[in-house]
Amino acid sequence: TDNERGVATGWNPGVLSERGIRQAKELGTL
């Protein structure tokens, strides 16, 4: 969600966006 907002996450945990969740699942398939 930070990537999508253009914000630097650094050492914060960060939360996958809906797009990020799809990307991660697709990566496993690829």
PDB file of all heavy atoms in Angstrom:
ATOM      1  N   THR A   1       0.845  -1.198   0.000  1.00  0.00           N
ATOM      2  CA  THR A   1       0.000   0.000   0.000  1.00  0.00           C
ATOM      3  C   THR A   1       0.879   1.247   0.000  1.00  0.00           C
ATOM      4  O   THR A   1       0.527   2.247  -0.626  1.00  0.00           O
ATOM      5  CB  THR A   1      -0.961  -0.003   1.204  1.00  0.00           C
ATOM      6  OG1 THR A   1      -0.207  -0.144   2.414  1.00  0.00           O
ATOM      7  CG2 THR A   1      -1.971  -1.142   1.099  1.00  0.00           C
ATOM      8  N   ASP A   2       2.027   1.195   0.666  1.00  0.00           N
ATOM      9  CA  ASP A   2       2.967   2.323   0.635  1.00  0.00           C
ATOM     10  C   ASP A   2       3.496   2.548  -0.774  1.00  0.00           C
ATOM     11  O   ASP A   2       3.596   3.686  -1.232  1.00  0.00           O
ATOM     12  CB  ASP A   2       4.144   2.093   1.590  1.00  0.00           C
ATOM     13  CG  ASP A   2       3.807   2.351   3.043  1.00  0.00           C
ATOM     14  OD1 ASP A   2       2.709   2.876   3.331  1.00  0.00           O
ATOM     15  OD2 ASP A   2       4.647   2.029   3.901  1.00  0.00           O
ATOM     16  N   ASN A   3       3.879   1.452  -1.476  1.00  0.00           N
ATOM     17  CA  ASN A   3       4.353   1.596  -2.856  1.00  0.00           C
ATOM     18  C   ASN A   3       3.311   2.323  -3.702  1.00  0.00           C
ATOM     19  O   ASN A   3       3.642   3.222  -4.481  1.00  0.00           O
ATOM     20  CB  ASN A   3       4.613   0.231  -3.514  1.00  0.00           C
ATOM     21  CG  ASN A   3       5.731  -0.564  -2.894  1.00  0.00           C
ATOM     22  OD1 ASN A   3       5.632  -1.794  -2.805  1.00  0.00           O
ATOM     23  ND2 ASN A   3       6.806   0.074  -2.468  1.00  0.00           N
ATOM     24  N   GLU A   4       2.071   1.929  -3.542  1.00  0.00           N
ATOM     25  CA  GLU A   4       1.000   2.528  -4.346  1.00  0.00           C
ATOM     26  C   GLU A   4       0.793   3.998  -4.015  1.00  0.00           C
ATOM     27  O   GLU A   4       0.397   4.773  -4.880  1.00  0.00           O
ATOM     28  CB  GLU A   4      -0.294   1.731  -4.169  1.00  0.00           C
ATOM     29  CG  GLU A   4      -0.212   0.370  -4.835  1.00  0.00           C
ATOM     30  CD  GLU A   4      -1.469  -0.464  -4.674  1.00  0.00           C
ATOM     31  OE1 GLU A   4      -2.364  -0.086  -3.860  1.00  0.00           O
ATOM     32  OE2 GLU A   4      -1.565  -1.494  -5.368  1.00  0.00           O
ATOM     33  N   ARG A   5       1.084   4.383  -2.787  1.00  0.00           N
ATOM     34  CA  ARG A   5       0.943   5.783  -2.388  1.00  0.00           C
ATOM     35  C   ARG A   5       2.220   6.583  -2.623  1.00  0.00           C
ATOM     36  O   ARG A   5       2.243   7.786  -2.372  1.00  0.00           O
ATOM     37  CB  ARG A   5       0.564   5.877  -0.911  1.00  0.00           C
ATOM     38  CG  ARG A   5      -0.831   5.345  -0.598  1.00  0.00           C
ATOM     39  CD  ARG A   5      -1.161   5.423   0.871  1.00  0.00           C
ATOM     40  NE  ARG A   5       0.003   5.016   1.667  1.00  0.00           N
ATOM     41  CZ  ARG A   5       0.314   5.458   2.871  1.00  0.00           C
ATOM     42  NH1 ARG A   5      -0.451   6.316   3.465  1.00  0.00           N
ATOM     43  NH2 ARG A   5       1.382   5.026   3.515  1.00  0.00           N
ATOM     44  N   GLY A   6       3.295   5.908  -3.062  1.00  0.00           N
ATOM     45  CA  GLY A   6       4.558   6.591  -3.310  1.00  0.00           C
ATOM     46  C   GLY A   6       5.296   6.954  -2.035  1.00  0.00           C
ATOM     47  O   GLY A   6       6.021   7.938  -1.985  1.00  0.00           O
ATOM     48  N   VAL A   7       5.146   6.122  -0.996  1.00  0.00           N
ATOM     49  CA  VAL A   7       5.730   6.396   0.311  1.00  0.00           C
ATOM     50  C   VAL A   7       6.822   5.364   0.603  1.00  0.00           C
ATOM     51  O   VAL A   7       6.672   4.177   0.295  1.00  0.00           O
ATOM     52  CB  VAL A   7       4.631   6.337   1.403  1.00  0.00           C
ATOM     53  CG1 VAL A   7       5.209   6.396   2.796  1.00  0.00           C
ATOM     54  CG2 VAL A   7       3.627   7.451   1.186  1.00  0.00           C
ATOM     55  N   ALA A   8       7.923   5.800   1.214  1.00  0.00           N
ATOM     56  CA  ALA A   8       9.034   4.920   1.576  1.00  0.00           C
ATOM     57  C   ALA A   8       8.696   4.150   2.851  1.00  0.00           C
ATOM     58  O   ALA A   8       8.385   4.749   3.874  1.00  0.00           O
ATOM     59  CB  ALA A   8      10.303   5.735   1.774  1.00  0.00           C
ATOM     60  N   THR A   9       8.790   2.829   2.789  1.00  0.00           N
ATOM     61  CA  THR A   9       8.444   1.977   3.929  1.00  0.00           C
ATOM     62  C   THR A   9       9.645   1.699   4.818  1.00  0.00           C
ATOM     63  O   THR A   9       9.514   1.628   6.037  1.00  0.00           O
ATOM     64  CB  THR A   9       7.842   0.649   3.433  1.00  0.00           C
ATOM     65  OG1 THR A   9       6.825   0.932   2.480  1.00  0.00           O
ATOM     66  CG2 THR A   9       7.243  -0.147   4.571  1.00  0.00           C
ATOM     67  N   GLY A  10      10.822   1.525   4.229  1.00  0.00           N
ATOM     68  CA  GLY A  10      12.026   1.263   5.014  1.00  0.00           C
ATOM     69  C   GLY A  10      11.876   0.064   5.925  1.00  0.00           C
ATOM     70  O   GLY A  10      11.505  -1.018   5.487  1.00  0.00           O
ATOM     71  N   TRP A  11      12.134   0.247   7.226  1.00  0.00           N
ATOM     72  CA  TRP A  11      12.059  -0.843   8.188  1.00  0.00           C
ATOM     73  C   TRP A  11      10.658  -1.035   8.763  1.00  0.00           C
ATOM     74  O   TRP A  11      10.460  -1.891   9.619  1.00  0.00           O
ATOM     75  CB  TRP A  11      13.062  -0.628   9.310  1.00  0.00           C
ATOM     76  CG  TRP A  11      14.454  -1.052   8.954  1.00  0.00           C
ATOM     77  CD1 TRP A  11      14.964  -1.276   7.707  1.00  0.00           C
ATOM     78  CD2 TRP A  11      15.512  -1.311   9.868  1.00  0.00           C
ATOM     79  NE1 TRP A  11      16.270  -1.643   7.787  1.00  0.00           N
ATOM     80  CE2 TRP A  11      16.652  -1.669   9.111  1.00  0.00           C
ATOM     81  CE3 TRP A  11      15.632  -1.249  11.248  1.00  0.00           C
ATOM     82  CZ2 TRP A  11      17.872  -1.996   9.688  1.00  0.00           C
ATOM     83  CZ3 TRP A  11      16.862  -1.563  11.823  1.00  0.00           C
ATOM     84  CH2 TRP A  11      17.954  -1.941  11.052  1.00  0.00           C
ATOM     85  N   ASN A  12       9.678  -0.259   8.317  1.00  0.00           N
ATOM     86  CA  ASN A  12       8.303  -0.522   8.732  1.00  0.00           C
ATOM     87  C   ASN A  12       7.874  -1.859   8.129  1.00  0.00           C
ATOM     88  O   ASN A  12       8.398  -2.265   7.088  1.00  0.00           O
ATOM     89  CB  ASN A  12       7.365   0.586   8.262  1.00  0.00           C
ATOM     90  CG  ASN A  12       7.514   1.848   9.082  1.00  0.00           C
ATOM     91  OD1 ASN A  12       8.114   1.851  10.153  1.00  0.00           O
ATOM     92  ND2 ASN A  12       6.981   2.951   8.569  1.00  0.00           N
ATOM     93  N   PRO A  13       6.907  -2.531   8.737  1.00  0.00           N
ATOM     94  CA  PRO A  13       6.510  -3.857   8.237  1.00  0.00           C
ATOM     95  C   PRO A  13       5.985  -3.837   6.799  1.00  0.00           C
ATOM     96  O   PRO A  13       6.337  -4.681   5.992  1.00  0.00           O
ATOM     97  CB  PRO A  13       5.420  -4.314   9.202  1.00  0.00           C
ATOM     98  CG  PRO A  13       5.487  -3.395  10.373  1.00  0.00           C
ATOM     99  CD  PRO A  13       6.190  -2.150   9.945  1.00  0.00           C
ATOM    100  N   GLY A  14       5.140  -2.858   6.488  1.00  0.00           N
ATOM    101  CA  GLY A  14       4.540  -2.794   5.162  1.00  0.00           C
ATOM    102  C   GLY A  14       3.412  -3.806   5.011  1.00  0.00           C
ATOM    103  O   GLY A  14       3.456  -4.893   5.578  1.00  0.00           O
ATOM    104  N   VAL A  15       2.394  -3.418   4.257  1.00  0.00           N
ATOM    105  CA  VAL A  15       1.227  -4.268   4.026  1.00  0.00           C
ATOM    106  C   VAL A  15       1.077  -4.455   2.524  1.00  0.00           C
ATOM    107  O   VAL A  15       1.060  -3.477   1.767  1.00  0.00           O
ATOM    108  CB  VAL A  15      -0.048  -3.601   4.602  1.00  0.00           C
ATOM    109  CG1 VAL A  15      -1.285  -4.413   4.276  1.00  0.00           C
ATOM    110  CG2 VAL A  15       0.088  -3.387   6.099  1.00  0.00           C
ATOM    111  N   LEU A  16       0.957  -5.710   2.089  1.00  0.00           N
ATOM    112  CA  LEU A  16       0.730  -5.958   0.671  1.00  0.00           C
ATOM    113  C   LEU A  16      -0.635  -5.400   0.269  1.00  0.00           C
ATOM    114  O   LEU A  16      -1.622  -5.580   0.983  1.00  0.00           O
ATOM    115  CB  LEU A  16       0.762  -7.457   0.358  1.00  0.00           C
ATOM    116  CG  LEU A  16       2.096  -8.178   0.517  1.00  0.00           C
ATOM    117  CD1 LEU A  16       1.933  -9.655   0.161  1.00  0.00           C
ATOM    118  CD2 LEU A  16       3.173  -7.538  -0.342  1.00  0.00           C
ATOM    119  N   SER A  17      -0.671  -4.740  -0.874  1.00  0.00           N
ATOM    120  CA  SER A  17      -1.937  -4.264  -1.423  1.00  0.00           C
ATOM    121  C   SER A  17      -2.632  -5.446  -2.104  1.00  0.00           C
ATOM    122  O   SER A  17      -2.058  -6.535  -2.229  1.00  0.00           O
ATOM    123  CB  SER A  17      -1.670  -3.154  -2.447  1.00  0.00           C
ATOM    124  OG  SER A  17      -0.991  -3.695  -3.572  1.00  0.00           O
ATOM    125  N   GLU A  18      -3.842  -5.230  -2.571  1.00  0.00           N
ATOM    126  CA  GLU A  18      -4.537  -6.285  -3.322  1.00  0.00           C
ATOM    127  C   GLU A  18      -3.699  -6.700  -4.530  1.00  0.00           C
ATOM    128  O   GLU A  18      -3.576  -7.887  -4.845  1.00  0.00           O
ATOM    129  CB  GLU A  18      -5.930  -5.814  -3.752  1.00  0.00           C
ATOM    130  CG  GLU A  18      -6.917  -5.713  -2.610  1.00  0.00           C
ATOM    131  CD  GLU A  18      -7.125  -7.050  -1.895  1.00  0.00           C
ATOM    132  OE1 GLU A  18      -7.248  -8.092  -2.575  1.00  0.00           O
ATOM    133  OE2 GLU A  18      -7.159  -7.051  -0.643  1.00  0.00           O
ATOM    134  N   ARG A  19      -3.115  -5.717  -5.188  1.00  0.00           N
ATOM    135  CA  ARG A  19      -2.238  -6.000  -6.328  1.00  0.00           C
ATOM    136  C   ARG A  19      -1.034  -6.828  -5.898  1.00  0.00           C
ATOM    137  O   ARG A  19      -0.636  -7.777  -6.570  1.00  0.00           O
ATOM    138  CB  ARG A  19      -1.798  -4.680  -6.960  1.00  0.00           C
ATOM    139  CG  ARG A  19      -0.873  -4.834  -8.128  1.00  0.00           C
ATOM    140  CD  ARG A  19      -0.603  -3.466  -8.754  1.00  0.00           C
ATOM    141  NE  ARG A  19       0.599  -3.519  -9.543  1.00  0.00           N
ATOM    142  CZ  ARG A  19       1.424  -2.518  -9.725  1.00  0.00           C
ATOM    143  NH1 ARG A  19       1.180  -1.349  -9.161  1.00  0.00           N
ATOM    144  NH2 ARG A  19       2.488  -2.652 -10.459  1.00  0.00           N
ATOM    145  N   GLY A  20      -0.435  -6.467  -4.759  1.00  0.00           N
ATOM    146  CA  GLY A  20       0.715  -7.203  -4.237  1.00  0.00           C
ATOM    147  C   GLY A  20       0.376  -8.641  -3.886  1.00  0.00           C
ATOM    148  O   GLY A  20       1.192  -9.551  -4.093  1.00  0.00           O
ATOM    149  N   ILE A  21      -0.806  -8.857  -3.348  1.00  0.00           N
ATOM    150  CA  ILE A  21      -1.266 -10.219  -3.038  1.00  0.00           C
ATOM    151  C   ILE A  21      -1.388 -11.030  -4.329  1.00  0.00           C
ATOM    152  O   ILE A  21      -0.911 -12.172  -4.406  1.00  0.00           O
ATOM    153  CB  ILE A  21      -2.599 -10.178  -2.258  1.00  0.00           C
ATOM    154  CG1 ILE A  21      -2.356  -9.599  -0.858  1.00  0.00           C
ATOM    155  CG2 ILE A  21      -3.243 -11.562  -2.200  1.00  0.00           C
ATOM    156  CD1 ILE A  21      -3.623  -9.253  -0.095  1.00  0.00           C
ATOM    157  N   ARG A  22      -1.977 -10.432  -5.363  1.00  0.00           N
ATOM    158  CA  ARG A  22      -2.088 -11.108  -6.673  1.00  0.00           C
ATOM    159  C   ARG A  22      -0.699 -11.416  -7.234  1.00  0.00           C
ATOM    160  O   ARG A  22      -0.452 -12.512  -7.741  1.00  0.00           O
ATOM    161  CB  ARG A  22      -2.870 -10.259  -7.668  1.00  0.00           C
ATOM    162  CG  ARG A  22      -4.369 -10.363  -7.553  1.00  0.00           C
ATOM    163  CD  ARG A  22      -5.099  -9.767  -8.742  1.00  0.00           C
ATOM    164  NE  ARG A  22      -4.632  -8.457  -9.167  1.00  0.00           N
ATOM    165  CZ  ARG A  22      -4.976  -7.298  -8.605  1.00  0.00           C
ATOM    166  NH1 ARG A  22      -5.810  -7.295  -7.589  1.00  0.00           N
ATOM    167  NH2 ARG A  22      -4.489  -6.158  -9.055  1.00  0.00           N
ATOM    168  N   GLN A  23       0.205 -10.427  -7.149  1.00  0.00           N
ATOM    169  CA  GLN A  23       1.560 -10.615  -7.667  1.00  0.00           C
ATOM    170  C   GLN A  23       2.261 -11.785  -6.970  1.00  0.00           C
ATOM    171  O   GLN A  23       2.918 -12.597  -7.628  1.00  0.00           O
ATOM    172  CB  GLN A  23       2.397  -9.347  -7.460  1.00  0.00           C
ATOM    173  CG  GLN A  23       2.004  -8.194  -8.332  1.00  0.00           C
ATOM    174  CD  GLN A  23       2.661  -6.893  -7.886  1.00  0.00           C
ATOM    175  OE1 GLN A  23       2.998  -6.703  -6.718  1.00  0.00           O
ATOM    176  NE2 GLN A  23       2.844  -5.982  -8.833  1.00  0.00           N
ATOM    177  N   ALA A  24       2.137 -11.854  -5.658  1.00  0.00           N
ATOM    178  CA  ALA A  24       2.793 -12.922  -4.903  1.00  0.00           C
ATOM    179  C   ALA A  24       2.249 -14.288  -5.304  1.00  0.00           C
ATOM    180  O   ALA A  24       3.016 -15.239  -5.520  1.00  0.00           O
ATOM    181  CB  ALA A  24       2.624 -12.686  -3.402  1.00  0.00           C
ATOM    182  N   LYS A  25       0.944 -14.388  -5.438  1.00  0.00           N
ATOM    183  CA  LYS A  25       0.338 -15.661  -5.858  1.00  0.00           C
ATOM    184  C   LYS A  25       0.770 -16.021  -7.276  1.00  0.00           C
ATOM    185  O   LYS A  25       1.091 -17.180  -7.563  1.00  0.00           O
ATOM    186  CB  LYS A  25      -1.182 -15.581  -5.756  1.00  0.00           C
ATOM    187  CG  LYS A  25      -1.679 -15.543  -4.322  1.00  0.00           C
ATOM    188  CD  LYS A  25      -3.182 -15.381  -4.276  1.00  0.00           C
ATOM    189  CE  LYS A  25      -3.693 -15.344  -2.850  1.00  0.00           C
ATOM    190  NZ  LYS A  25      -5.150 -15.102  -2.794  1.00  0.00           N
ATOM    191  N   GLU A  26       0.791 -15.034  -8.162  1.00  0.00           N
ATOM    192  CA  GLU A  26       1.218 -15.275  -9.546  1.00  0.00           C
ATOM    193  C   GLU A  26       2.686 -15.678  -9.601  1.00  0.00           C
ATOM    194  O   GLU A  26       3.072 -16.527 -10.412  1.00  0.00           O
ATOM    195  CB  GLU A  26       0.971 -14.039 -10.411  1.00  0.00           C
ATOM    196  CG  GLU A  26      -0.494 -13.791 -10.687  1.00  0.00           C
ATOM    197  CD  GLU A  26      -0.774 -12.417 -11.298  1.00  0.00           C
ATOM    198  OE1 GLU A  26       0.179 -11.693 -11.669  1.00  0.00           O
ATOM    199  OE2 GLU A  26      -1.965 -12.063 -11.403  1.00  0.00           O
ATOM    200  N   LEU A  27       3.516 -15.080  -8.748  1.00  0.00           N
ATOM    201  CA  LEU A  27       4.925 -15.443  -8.700  1.00  0.00           C
ATOM    202  C   LEU A  27       5.078 -16.930  -8.411  1.00  0.00           C
ATOM    203  O   LEU A  27       5.858 -17.631  -9.073  1.00  0.00           O
ATOM    204  CB  LEU A  27       5.673 -14.623  -7.650  1.00  0.00           C
ATOM    205  CG  LEU A  27       7.130 -15.012  -7.424  1.00  0.00           C
ATOM    206  CD1 LEU A  27       7.956 -14.794  -8.691  1.00  0.00           C
ATOM    207  CD2 LEU A  27       7.708 -14.233  -6.258  1.00  0.00           C
ATOM    208  N   GLY A  28       4.326 -17.420  -7.436  1.00  0.00           N
ATOM    209  CA  GLY A  28       4.380 -18.843  -7.113  1.00  0.00           C
ATOM    210  C   GLY A  28       4.042 -19.712  -8.308  1.00  0.00           C
ATOM    211  O   GLY A  28       4.689 -20.738  -8.549  1.00  0.00           O
ATOM    212  N   THR A  29       3.078 -19.287  -9.092  1.00  0.00           N
ATOM    213  CA  THR A  29       2.705 -20.031 -10.296  1.00  0.00           C
ATOM    214  C   THR A  29       3.805 -19.939 -11.347  1.00  0.00           C
ATOM    215  O   THR A  29       4.164 -20.940 -11.975  1.00  0.00           O
ATOM    216  CB  THR A  29       1.375 -19.477 -10.866  1.00  0.00           C
ATOM    217  OG1 THR A  29       0.363 -19.617  -9.865  1.00  0.00           O
ATOM    218  CG2 THR A  29       0.963 -20.226 -12.119  1.00  0.00           C
ATOM    219  N   LEU A  30       4.374 -18.761 -11.534  1.00  0.00           N
ATOM    220  CA  LEU A  30       5.403 -18.556 -12.548  1.00  0.00           C
ATOM    221  C   LEU A  30       6.672 -19.367 -12.284  1.00  0.00           C
ATOM    222  O   LEU A  30       7.367 -19.752 -13.228  1.00  0.00           O
ATOM    223  CB  LEU A  30       5.770 -17.072 -12.652  1.00  0.00           C
ATOM    224  CG  LEU A  30       4.717 -16.154 -13.267  1.00  0.00           C
ATOM    225  CD1 LEU A  30       5.115 -14.690 -13.087  1.00  0.00           C
ATOM    226  CD2 LEU A  30       4.527 -16.479 -14.741  1.00  0.00           C
TER     227      LEU A  30
END
